[in-house]
Amino acid sequence: MTPTATATPDRLAETVSACRELIETRFAGDVERGAAAMLLDDGTILTGTAPDVANPSVEICHETEPFAAAFRLGRAIVASVCLAREAPGRFVVLSPCGVCRERLAGHGPDVRVAVPGDTGTRGDPAWITLGEALPHYWAAVFDDIPWR
């Protein structure tokens, strides 16, 4: 696995666009839907969403699909974004929850994660490193955790 992609502003914008496109195409008739997109170290952008299930206790998050695919492909995650559409043309950025932060932590503190930006309701994220989101990550004390 040779990392080639970096989280440049253009690549991050493409990742957000891929996420929006999945929501707009897969859920054209549904308003309140979401998706996630992840930029991998080889430049690939993976997208995913959460399927509907009858029992809410077994639901998964939008990030699960691209996270699992990155693992299957043996690629490192460079950046991650999750968006929810609240109304036509109105997206909000969902910062990674604790579970997603734990999943991303295996890719190190330099993974870029999307958090709500200052642009209101357009769904334009601000980007921070996972290390900034987890300044005192609990597993950083172990030698086999790539957190330094």
Protein backbone atom coordinates (compact mmCIF):
# COMPACT_ATOMS: atom_id res chain seq x y z
CA MET A 1 0.00 0.00 0.00
CA THR A 2 1.76 3.12 -1.23
CA PRO A 3 -0.02 6.32 -0.18
CA THR A 4 -0.37 8.77 -3.04
CA ALA A 5 -3.42 10.92 -2.34
CA THR A 6 -3.39 13.75 0.13
CA ALA A 7 -6.25 15.75 1.52
CA THR A 8 -5.83 18.77 -0.74
CA PRO A 9 -8.69 21.28 -0.89
CA ASP A 10 -9.63 20.01 -4.37
CA ARG A 11 -9.68 16.35 -3.27
CA LEU A 12 -11.72 17.23 -0.18
CA ALA A 13 -14.20 19.16 -2.34
CA GLU A 14 -14.47 16.12 -4.66
CA THR A 15 -15.15 13.91 -1.65
CA VAL A 16 -17.98 16.19 -0.49
CA SER A 17 -19.36 16.30 -4.05
CA ALA A 18 -19.38 12.49 -4.25
CA CYS A 19 -21.29 12.35 -0.98
CA ARG A 20 -23.88 14.89 -2.17
CA GLU A 21 -24.21 13.11 -5.50
CA LEU A 22 -25.01 9.80 -3.80
CA ILE A 23 -27.75 11.46 -1.76
CA GLU A 24 -29.19 13.27 -4.78
CA THR A 25 -29.17 10.25 -7.11
CA ARG A 26 -30.00 7.39 -4.76
CA PHE A 27 -32.62 9.32 -2.80
CA ALA A 28 -34.01 11.66 -5.45
CA GLY A 29 -37.58 11.44 -4.12
CA ASP A 30 -36.77 11.33 -0.41
CA VAL A 31 -35.93 14.51 1.44
CA GLU A 32 -34.35 13.49 4.72
CA ARG A 33 -31.50 11.18 3.75
CA GLY A 34 -27.79 11.02 4.27
CA ALA A 35 -24.56 9.47 3.05
CA ALA A 36 -20.85 9.39 3.69
CA ALA A 37 -17.76 9.55 1.51
CA MET A 38 -14.15 8.69 2.26
CA LEU A 39 -11.00 9.60 0.37
CA LEU A 40 -8.45 6.80 0.31
CA ASP A 41 -4.69 7.02 0.10
CA ASP A 42 -4.72 5.89 -3.55
CA GLY A 43 -7.12 8.70 -4.54
CA THR A 44 -10.24 6.53 -4.64
CA ILE A 45 -13.41 8.05 -3.19
CA LEU A 46 -15.78 5.54 -1.64
CA THR A 47 -19.37 6.40 -0.75
CA GLY A 48 -21.96 4.69 1.39
CA THR A 49 -25.27 5.06 3.09
CA ALA A 50 -27.31 3.32 5.75
CA PRO A 51 -30.07 0.95 4.68
CA ASP A 52 -33.55 1.11 6.13
CA VAL A 53 -34.31 -1.63 8.64
CA ALA A 54 -37.42 -2.44 10.65
CA ASN A 55 -35.58 -2.64 13.99
CA PRO A 56 -33.76 0.63 14.80
CA SER A 57 -31.43 -1.14 17.23
CA VAL A 58 -29.61 -2.82 14.33
CA GLU A 59 -29.17 0.24 12.11
CA ILE A 60 -25.69 1.14 10.92
CA CYS A 61 -24.23 4.52 10.15
CA HIS A 62 -23.50 5.88 6.68
CA GLU A 63 -19.74 5.58 7.22
CA THR A 64 -19.83 1.80 7.73
CA GLU A 65 -19.95 0.91 4.03
CA PRO A 66 -16.96 2.98 2.86
CA PHE A 67 -15.00 2.11 6.01
CA ALA A 68 -15.48 -1.63 5.41
CA ALA A 69 -14.63 -1.25 1.71
CA ALA A 70 -11.39 0.57 2.55
CA PHE A 71 -10.46 -2.34 4.81
CA ARG A 72 -11.39 -4.87 2.12
CA LEU A 73 -9.21 -3.01 -0.39
CA GLY A 74 -6.32 -2.69 2.06
CA ARG A 75 -6.26 1.11 1.73
CA ALA A 76 -5.78 3.84 4.28
CA ILE A 77 -8.47 6.47 4.80
CA VAL A 78 -7.25 10.03 4.24
CA ALA A 79 -10.51 11.94 4.81
CA SER A 80 -14.13 11.30 5.77
CA VAL A 81 -17.34 13.29 5.43
CA CYS A 82 -20.96 12.56 6.36
CA LEU A 83 -23.85 14.69 5.12
CA ALA A 84 -27.57 14.71 5.78
CA ARG A 85 -30.12 16.39 3.52
CA GLU A 86 -32.76 18.12 5.61
CA ALA A 87 -34.66 19.75 2.76
CA PRO A 88 -34.18 20.02 -1.01
CA GLY A 89 -30.79 21.65 -1.52
CA ARG A 90 -30.16 21.95 2.23
CA PHE A 91 -27.41 19.74 3.58
CA VAL A 92 -25.84 19.64 7.01
CA VAL A 93 -22.48 18.20 7.97
CA LEU A 94 -22.50 15.49 10.61
CA SER A 95 -19.19 15.34 12.43
CA PRO A 96 -18.01 11.81 13.19
CA CYS A 97 -19.58 10.25 16.27
CA GLY A 98 -17.52 8.42 18.86
CA VAL A 99 -17.86 5.08 17.08
CA CYS A 100 -16.70 6.52 13.76
CA ARG A 101 -13.83 8.31 15.48
CA GLU A 102 -12.73 4.98 16.94
CA ARG A 103 -12.93 3.34 13.52
CA LEU A 104 -10.95 6.14 11.89
CA ALA A 105 -8.35 6.19 14.68
CA GLY A 106 -6.70 3.11 13.20
CA HIS A 107 -5.72 5.31 10.26
CA GLY A 108 -3.89 7.78 12.50
CA PRO A 109 -4.34 11.28 13.82
CA ASP A 110 -3.82 12.98 10.44
CA VAL A 111 -7.06 11.70 8.90
CA ARG A 112 -9.14 14.73 7.93
CA VAL A 113 -12.72 14.74 9.22
CA ALA A 114 -15.53 17.03 8.19
CA VAL A 115 -17.20 19.14 10.84
CA PRO A 116 -19.89 21.82 10.42
CA GLY A 117 -18.47 24.93 8.82
CA ASP A 118 -19.40 28.57 9.18
CA THR A 119 -21.38 28.78 5.94
CA GLY A 120 -24.80 28.07 7.36
CA THR A 121 -26.95 25.37 5.82
CA ARG A 122 -25.18 24.65 2.53
CA GLY A 123 -23.38 21.67 3.99
CA ASP A 124 -19.93 23.06 3.36
CA PRO A 125 -17.67 21.48 5.94
CA ALA A 126 -14.68 22.72 7.79
CA TRP A 127 -11.91 20.12 7.93
CA ILE A 128 -9.90 19.21 11.00
CA THR A 129 -7.58 16.34 11.74
CA LEU A 130 -8.79 13.43 13.80
CA GLY A 131 -6.03 14.37 16.25
CA GLU A 132 -7.72 17.74 16.70
CA ALA A 133 -11.05 15.99 17.22
CA LEU A 134 -9.44 13.58 19.72
CA PRO A 135 -6.68 15.57 21.43
CA HIS A 136 -6.36 13.03 24.24
CA TYR A 137 -7.09 9.80 22.41
CA TRP A 138 -7.21 7.00 24.94
CA ALA A 139 -5.27 4.41 22.91
CA ALA A 140 -2.36 6.73 22.07
CA VAL A 141 -0.45 5.34 25.06
CA PHE A 142 -0.04 1.94 23.35
CA ASP A 143 2.93 1.36 21.07
CA ASP A 144 0.95 -0.53 18.43
CA ILE A 145 -1.56 2.30 17.84
CA PRO A 146 -0.50 4.62 14.94
CA TRP A 147 -1.20 7.83 16.84
CA ARG A 148 2.14 9.57 16.95
